[in-house]
Amino acid sequence: MSDFDWVTERSNCSTQKVFRSLELGVKADVDKRNAFRKNGEPKWDTTSATERFSVFREGGDGWSKQVVLFSIEGDRIDVSRDGVHLFGARLTINNKGQCKLKVQGQEQELEEWQFRRKALEDLFFEG
């Protein structure tokens, strides 16, 4: 891999591109989660704007309404829940030449599905 074109790969690993891909993945996650709803569970939905999108659930039996917001802040993708910042990530090319989300303050390099899980698991599965 000595001739790997890391400059082109890093250029293709753009915040906007990954953000849009995350949005499509989140919408698919919401559809899948709704397919597994049980009686009394709320429905999940999404909303979109230019530099942000959100996932929300309406209250159901014992479930409060909550919102997870994904937003672009400069070169960072941030996640907050009900107005409280949870985590942010910047993009990087790892040593295998793969575009990854690097969580700030941690050495973690996440795949897109791992980033979505980190953001949405509690919203989808806590009661």
N, C-alpha and C. Protein backbone atom coordinates (compact mmCIF):
# COMPACT_ATOMS: atom_id res chain seq x y z
N MET A 1 0.83 -1.19 0.00
CA MET A 1 0.00 0.00 0.00
C MET A 1 0.87 1.26 0.00
N SER A 2 2.11 1.12 -0.41
CA SER A 2 3.06 2.24 -0.39
C SER A 2 2.66 3.35 -1.36
N ASP A 3 1.84 3.04 -2.37
CA ASP A 3 1.42 4.06 -3.32
C ASP A 3 0.00 4.55 -3.06
N PHE A 4 -0.51 4.34 -1.86
CA PHE A 4 -1.86 4.76 -1.49
C PHE A 4 -1.99 6.28 -1.59
N ASP A 5 -3.01 6.72 -2.27
CA ASP A 5 -3.26 8.15 -2.48
C ASP A 5 -4.12 8.69 -1.33
N TRP A 6 -3.48 8.94 -0.21
CA TRP A 6 -4.19 9.36 0.99
C TRP A 6 -4.80 10.75 0.84
N VAL A 7 -4.18 11.61 0.02
CA VAL A 7 -4.70 12.96 -0.15
C VAL A 7 -6.07 12.92 -0.83
N THR A 8 -6.18 12.13 -1.88
CA THR A 8 -7.47 12.00 -2.57
C THR A 8 -8.50 11.36 -1.65
N GLU A 9 -8.11 10.31 -0.97
CA GLU A 9 -9.03 9.63 -0.05
C GLU A 9 -9.51 10.56 1.06
N ARG A 10 -8.61 11.35 1.63
CA ARG A 10 -9.00 12.27 2.69
C ARG A 10 -9.91 13.35 2.14
N SER A 11 -9.66 13.80 0.92
CA SER A 11 -10.52 14.79 0.27
C SER A 11 -11.93 14.23 0.07
N ASN A 12 -12.02 12.95 -0.29
CA ASN A 12 -13.32 12.31 -0.48
C ASN A 12 -14.02 12.02 0.85
N CYS A 13 -13.29 12.05 1.93
CA CYS A 13 -13.81 11.79 3.26
C CYS A 13 -14.26 13.13 3.86
N SER A 14 -15.25 13.75 3.23
CA SER A 14 -15.67 15.09 3.63
C SER A 14 -16.79 15.05 4.66
N THR A 15 -16.85 16.08 5.48
CA THR A 15 -17.88 16.19 6.51
C THR A 15 -19.27 16.15 5.90
N GLN A 16 -19.48 16.92 4.84
CA GLN A 16 -20.81 16.95 4.19
C GLN A 16 -21.22 15.59 3.65
N LYS A 17 -20.30 14.91 2.99
CA LYS A 17 -20.60 13.61 2.39
C LYS A 17 -20.94 12.58 3.48
N VAL A 18 -20.14 12.52 4.51
CA VAL A 18 -20.39 11.56 5.59
C VAL A 18 -21.66 11.92 6.34
N PHE A 19 -21.91 13.22 6.53
CA PHE A 19 -23.12 13.66 7.23
C PHE A 19 -24.37 13.21 6.48
N ARG A 20 -24.39 13.36 5.17
CA ARG A 20 -25.54 12.93 4.36
C ARG A 20 -25.68 11.41 4.40
N SER A 21 -24.58 10.70 4.39
CA SER A 21 -24.63 9.25 4.50
C SER A 21 -25.17 8.82 5.87
N LEU A 22 -24.75 9.51 6.92
CA LEU A 22 -25.28 9.24 8.26
C LEU A 22 -26.79 9.47 8.30
N GLU A 23 -27.24 10.54 7.66
CA GLU A 23 -28.67 10.85 7.64
C GLU A 23 -29.47 9.73 6.99
N LEU A 24 -28.99 9.22 5.86
CA LEU A 24 -29.67 8.11 5.20
C LEU A 24 -29.67 6.87 6.07
N GLY A 25 -28.55 6.60 6.73
CA GLY A 25 -28.46 5.46 7.64
C GLY A 25 -29.40 5.59 8.82
N VAL A 26 -29.49 6.80 9.38
CA VAL A 26 -30.40 7.04 10.52
C VAL A 26 -31.84 6.83 10.10
N LYS A 27 -32.22 7.31 8.93
CA LYS A 27 -33.60 7.11 8.45
C LYS A 27 -33.90 5.62 8.31
N ALA A 28 -32.95 4.85 7.81
CA ALA A 28 -33.14 3.40 7.71
C ALA A 28 -33.23 2.77 9.10
N ASP A 29 -32.42 3.25 10.04
CA ASP A 29 -32.48 2.75 11.43
C ASP A 29 -33.86 3.02 12.03
N VAL A 30 -34.39 4.20 11.80
CA VAL A 30 -35.71 4.57 12.34
C VAL A 30 -36.78 3.66 11.75
N ASP A 31 -36.72 3.41 10.45
CA ASP A 31 -37.69 2.51 9.82
C ASP A 31 -37.61 1.11 10.43
N LYS A 32 -36.39 0.63 10.64
CA LYS A 32 -36.23 -0.71 11.22
C LYS A 32 -36.73 -0.75 12.65
N ARG A 33 -36.43 0.29 13.43
CA ARG A 33 -36.88 0.31 14.83
C ARG A 33 -38.40 0.35 14.89
N ASN A 34 -39.02 1.12 14.03
CA ASN A 34 -40.49 1.19 14.00
C ASN A 34 -41.10 -0.16 13.64
N ALA A 35 -40.41 -0.93 12.82
CA ALA A 35 -40.92 -2.26 12.44
C ALA A 35 -40.96 -3.21 13.64
N PHE A 36 -40.16 -2.93 14.68
CA PHE A 36 -40.12 -3.79 15.87
C PHE A 36 -40.92 -3.23 17.04
N ARG A 37 -41.73 -2.22 16.79
CA ARG A 37 -42.51 -1.61 17.88
C ARG A 37 -43.47 -2.62 18.49
N LYS A 38 -43.62 -2.52 19.80
CA LYS A 38 -44.58 -3.34 20.54
C LYS A 38 -45.69 -2.45 21.05
N ASN A 39 -46.77 -3.04 21.53
CA ASN A 39 -47.85 -2.25 22.10
C ASN A 39 -47.33 -1.33 23.18
N GLY A 40 -47.77 -0.09 23.16
CA GLY A 40 -47.36 0.87 24.17
C GLY A 40 -46.08 1.60 23.84
N GLU A 41 -45.32 1.13 22.84
CA GLU A 41 -44.10 1.83 22.48
C GLU A 41 -44.43 2.99 21.54
N PRO A 42 -43.64 4.04 21.64
CA PRO A 42 -43.87 5.20 20.77
C PRO A 42 -43.39 4.92 19.35
N LYS A 43 -43.71 5.85 18.48
CA LYS A 43 -43.19 5.81 17.11
C LYS A 43 -42.03 6.78 17.02
N TRP A 44 -41.01 6.42 16.25
CA TRP A 44 -39.86 7.26 16.02
C TRP A 44 -39.99 7.89 14.65
N ASP A 45 -39.44 9.10 14.49
CA ASP A 45 -39.50 9.79 13.21
C ASP A 45 -38.27 10.70 13.07
N THR A 46 -38.09 11.28 11.89
CA THR A 46 -36.96 12.16 11.62
C THR A 46 -37.43 13.47 11.03
N THR A 47 -36.62 14.50 11.19
CA THR A 47 -36.80 15.78 10.51
C THR A 47 -35.44 16.20 9.98
N SER A 48 -35.43 16.99 8.90
CA SER A 48 -34.17 17.40 8.28
C SER A 48 -34.15 18.89 8.00
N ALA A 49 -32.95 19.46 8.07
CA ALA A 49 -32.66 20.82 7.62
C ALA A 49 -31.28 20.75 6.94
N THR A 50 -30.77 21.87 6.51
CA THR A 50 -29.53 21.87 5.75
C THR A 50 -28.33 21.31 6.51
N GLU A 51 -28.06 21.81 7.68
CA GLU A 51 -26.88 21.42 8.44
C GLU A 51 -27.23 20.58 9.66
N ARG A 52 -28.44 20.04 9.69
CA ARG A 52 -28.85 19.25 10.85
C ARG A 52 -30.01 18.33 10.50
N PHE A 53 -30.13 17.27 11.26
CA PHE A 53 -31.32 16.42 11.20
C PHE A 53 -31.51 15.84 12.59
N SER A 54 -32.73 15.41 12.86
CA SER A 54 -33.00 14.89 14.19
C SER A 54 -33.88 13.65 14.13
N VAL A 55 -33.80 12.89 15.20
CA VAL A 55 -34.64 11.72 15.42
C VAL A 55 -35.41 12.00 16.69
N PHE A 56 -36.70 11.76 16.66
CA PHE A 56 -37.48 11.99 17.87
C PHE A 56 -38.46 10.86 18.08
N ARG A 57 -38.86 10.72 19.33
CA ARG A 57 -39.91 9.77 19.65
C ARG A 57 -40.99 10.52 20.39
N GLU A 58 -42.19 10.15 20.08
CA GLU A 58 -43.34 10.69 20.80
C GLU A 58 -43.54 9.85 22.05
N GLY A 59 -44.05 10.44 23.09
CA GLY A 59 -44.29 9.69 24.32
C GLY A 59 -45.27 8.55 24.10
N GLY A 60 -45.04 7.45 24.75
CA GLY A 60 -45.94 6.29 24.74
C GLY A 60 -46.10 5.86 26.20
N ASP A 61 -46.56 4.68 26.44
CA ASP A 61 -46.73 4.20 27.82
C ASP A 61 -45.38 4.20 28.54
N GLY A 62 -45.17 5.17 29.41
CA GLY A 62 -43.94 5.25 30.19
C GLY A 62 -42.74 5.81 29.42
N TRP A 63 -42.96 6.29 28.22
CA TRP A 63 -41.87 6.83 27.40
C TRP A 63 -42.06 8.34 27.30
N SER A 64 -41.03 9.10 27.53
CA SER A 64 -41.12 10.55 27.37
C SER A 64 -40.69 10.93 25.96
N LYS A 65 -41.17 12.10 25.52
CA LYS A 65 -40.73 12.57 24.20
C LYS A 65 -39.27 12.99 24.31
N GLN A 66 -38.44 12.54 23.37
CA GLN A 66 -37.04 12.89 23.37
C GLN A 66 -36.56 13.08 21.94
N VAL A 67 -35.48 13.87 21.81
CA VAL A 67 -34.94 14.21 20.50
C VAL A 67 -33.42 14.04 20.51
N VAL A 68 -32.89 13.39 19.47
CA VAL A 68 -31.45 13.34 19.23
C VAL A 68 -31.19 14.16 17.97
N LEU A 69 -30.29 15.14 18.12
CA LEU A 69 -29.98 16.05 17.02
C LEU A 69 -28.55 15.79 16.52
N PHE A 70 -28.42 15.64 15.21
CA PHE A 70 -27.13 15.53 14.54
C PHE A 70 -26.91 16.86 13.82
N SER A 71 -25.74 17.46 13.98
CA SER A 71 -25.48 18.74 13.33
C SER A 71 -24.02 18.85 12.90
N ILE A 72 -23.79 19.71 11.93
CA ILE A 72 -22.44 20.00 11.48
C ILE A 72 -22.02 21.31 12.14
N GLU A 73 -20.88 21.27 12.79
CA GLU A 73 -20.28 22.45 13.41
C GLU A 73 -18.86 22.56 12.87
N GLY A 74 -18.69 23.33 11.81
CA GLY A 74 -17.37 23.44 11.17
C GLY A 74 -17.00 22.12 10.52
N ASP A 75 -15.91 21.51 10.97
CA ASP A 75 -15.48 20.22 10.41
C ASP A 75 -15.85 19.06 11.33
N ARG A 76 -16.76 19.29 12.24
CA ARG A 76 -17.15 18.30 13.25
C ARG A 76 -18.63 17.95 13.09
N ILE A 77 -18.95 16.69 13.35
CA ILE A 77 -20.34 16.26 13.42
C ILE A 77 -20.66 16.07 14.89
N ASP A 78 -21.65 16.81 15.37
CA ASP A 78 -22.04 16.78 16.78
C ASP A 78 -23.35 16.05 16.96
N VAL A 79 -23.49 15.45 18.14
CA VAL A 79 -24.72 14.77 18.53
C VAL A 79 -25.14 15.32 19.89
N SER A 80 -26.41 15.72 20.00
CA SER A 80 -26.94 16.16 21.28
C SER A 80 -28.28 15.48 21.50
N ARG A 81 -28.65 15.39 22.78
CA ARG A 81 -29.93 14.78 23.14
C ARG A 81 -30.66 15.73 24.07
N ASP A 82 -31.84 16.12 23.64
CA ASP A 82 -32.67 17.06 24.41
C ASP A 82 -31.87 18.29 24.82
N GLY A 83 -31.07 18.80 23.89
CA GLY A 83 -30.32 20.03 24.11
C GLY A 83 -28.99 19.87 24.83
N VAL A 84 -28.63 18.66 25.22
CA VAL A 84 -27.37 18.41 25.92
C VAL A 84 -26.39 17.73 24.96
N HIS A 85 -25.21 18.35 24.78
CA HIS A 85 -24.20 17.79 23.88
C HIS A 85 -23.72 16.44 24.41
N LEU A 86 -23.79 15.41 23.57
CA LEU A 86 -23.32 14.07 23.95
C LEU A 86 -21.89 13.82 23.51
N PHE A 87 -21.62 14.04 22.22
CA PHE A 87 -20.28 13.82 21.68
C PHE A 87 -20.18 14.44 20.29
N GLY A 88 -18.95 14.58 19.84
CA GLY A 88 -18.69 15.07 18.50
C GLY A 88 -17.58 14.23 17.88
N ALA A 89 -17.48 14.30 16.57
CA ALA A 89 -16.45 13.54 15.87
C ALA A 89 -15.96 14.31 14.65
N ARG A 90 -14.71 14.10 14.36
CA ARG A 90 -14.12 14.61 13.14
C ARG A 90 -13.75 13.41 12.27
N LEU A 91 -13.57 13.68 11.00
CA LEU A 91 -13.23 12.60 10.08
C LEU A 91 -11.74 12.42 9.96
N THR A 92 -11.36 11.19 9.71
CA THR A 92 -9.95 10.87 9.52
C THR A 92 -9.84 9.68 8.58
N ILE A 93 -8.67 9.52 8.02
CA ILE A 93 -8.34 8.31 7.26
C ILE A 93 -7.45 7.48 8.18
N ASN A 94 -7.87 6.26 8.47
CA ASN A 94 -7.06 5.44 9.38
C ASN A 94 -5.89 4.79 8.62
N ASN A 95 -5.12 4.01 9.33
CA ASN A 95 -3.93 3.38 8.73
C ASN A 95 -4.26 2.32 7.69
N LYS A 96 -5.53 1.94 7.59
CA LYS A 96 -5.95 1.01 6.54
C LYS A 96 -6.53 1.75 5.33
N GLY A 97 -6.52 3.08 5.39
CA GLY A 97 -7.01 3.89 4.28
C GLY A 97 -8.52 4.06 4.27
N GLN A 98 -9.17 3.85 5.41
CA GLN A 98 -10.62 3.93 5.49
C GLN A 98 -11.05 5.24 6.16
N CYS A 99 -12.12 5.82 5.65
CA CYS A 99 -12.70 7.03 6.22
C CYS A 99 -13.45 6.65 7.50
N LYS A 100 -13.07 7.26 8.62
CA LYS A 100 -13.68 6.93 9.92
C LYS A 100 -14.05 8.20 10.65
N LEU A 101 -14.98 8.05 11.57
CA LEU A 101 -15.37 9.13 12.48
C LEU A 101 -14.56 8.96 13.77
N LYS A 102 -13.80 9.98 14.11
CA LYS A 102 -12.96 9.91 15.31
C LYS A 102 -13.62 10.76 16.40
N VAL A 103 -14.08 10.09 17.45
CA VAL A 103 -14.78 10.76 18.54
C VAL A 103 -13.78 11.61 19.31
N GLN A 104 -14.15 12.85 19.54
CA GLN A 104 -13.27 13.78 20.24
C GLN A 104 -12.99 13.31 21.66
N GLY A 105 -11.74 13.48 22.07
CA GLY A 105 -11.34 13.12 23.41
C GLY A 105 -11.13 11.63 23.61
N GLN A 106 -11.28 10.87 22.54
CA GLN A 106 -11.12 9.42 22.60
C GLN A 106 -10.29 8.98 21.40
N GLU A 107 -9.73 7.82 21.51
CA GLU A 107 -8.98 7.27 20.38
C GLU A 107 -9.87 6.45 19.45
N GLN A 108 -11.15 6.38 19.79
CA GLN A 108 -12.07 5.57 19.00
C GLN A 108 -12.20 6.08 17.57
N GLU A 109 -12.11 5.19 16.63
CA GLU A 109 -12.43 5.46 15.23
C GLU A 109 -13.63 4.59 14.90
N LEU A 110 -14.75 5.24 14.58
CA LEU A 110 -16.00 4.51 14.40
C LEU A 110 -16.42 4.42 12.95
N GLU A 111 -17.02 3.28 12.62
CA GLU A 111 -17.74 3.13 11.36
C GLU A 111 -19.03 3.95 11.50
N GLU A 112 -19.67 4.25 10.39
CA GLU A 112 -20.91 5.02 10.45
C GLU A 112 -21.97 4.32 11.30
N TRP A 113 -22.13 3.01 11.18
CA TRP A 113 -23.17 2.31 11.95
C TRP A 113 -22.86 2.39 13.44
N GLN A 114 -21.58 2.36 13.81
CA GLN A 114 -21.21 2.45 15.23
C GLN A 114 -21.52 3.85 15.77
N PHE A 115 -21.29 4.86 14.97
CA PHE A 115 -21.60 6.23 15.35
C PHE A 115 -23.11 6.39 15.56
N ARG A 116 -23.90 5.83 14.64
CA ARG A 116 -25.36 5.91 14.75
C ARG A 116 -25.85 5.16 15.99
N ARG A 117 -25.27 3.98 16.26
CA ARG A 117 -25.65 3.23 17.45
C ARG A 117 -25.34 4.02 18.70
N LYS A 118 -24.17 4.61 18.77
CA LYS A 118 -23.76 5.40 19.93
C LYS A 118 -24.76 6.54 20.18
N ALA A 119 -25.25 7.12 19.12
CA ALA A 119 -26.19 8.24 19.22
C ALA A 119 -27.62 7.80 19.55
N LEU A 120 -28.05 6.66 19.03
CA LEU A 120 -29.47 6.31 19.06
C LEU A 120 -29.87 5.15 19.95
N GLU A 121 -28.93 4.35 20.42
CA GLU A 121 -29.30 3.12 21.15
C GLU A 121 -30.18 3.43 22.36
N ASP A 122 -29.81 4.40 23.18
CA ASP A 122 -30.63 4.71 24.35
C ASP A 122 -32.00 5.23 23.96
N LEU A 123 -32.05 6.06 22.93
CA LEU A 123 -33.34 6.60 22.47
C LEU A 123 -34.27 5.48 22.01
N PHE A 124 -33.72 4.50 21.31
CA PHE A 124 -34.52 3.42 20.75
C PHE A 124 -34.92 2.35 21.78
N PHE A 125 -34.09 2.13 22.78
CA PHE A 125 -34.30 0.95 23.61
C PHE A 125 -34.47 1.20 25.10
N GLU A 126 -34.36 2.42 25.56
CA GLU A 126 -34.62 2.64 26.98
C GLU A 126 -36.09 2.93 27.18
N GLY A 127 -36.63 2.53 28.28
CA GLY A 127 -38.06 2.74 28.56
C GLY A 127 -38.23 3.76 29.62
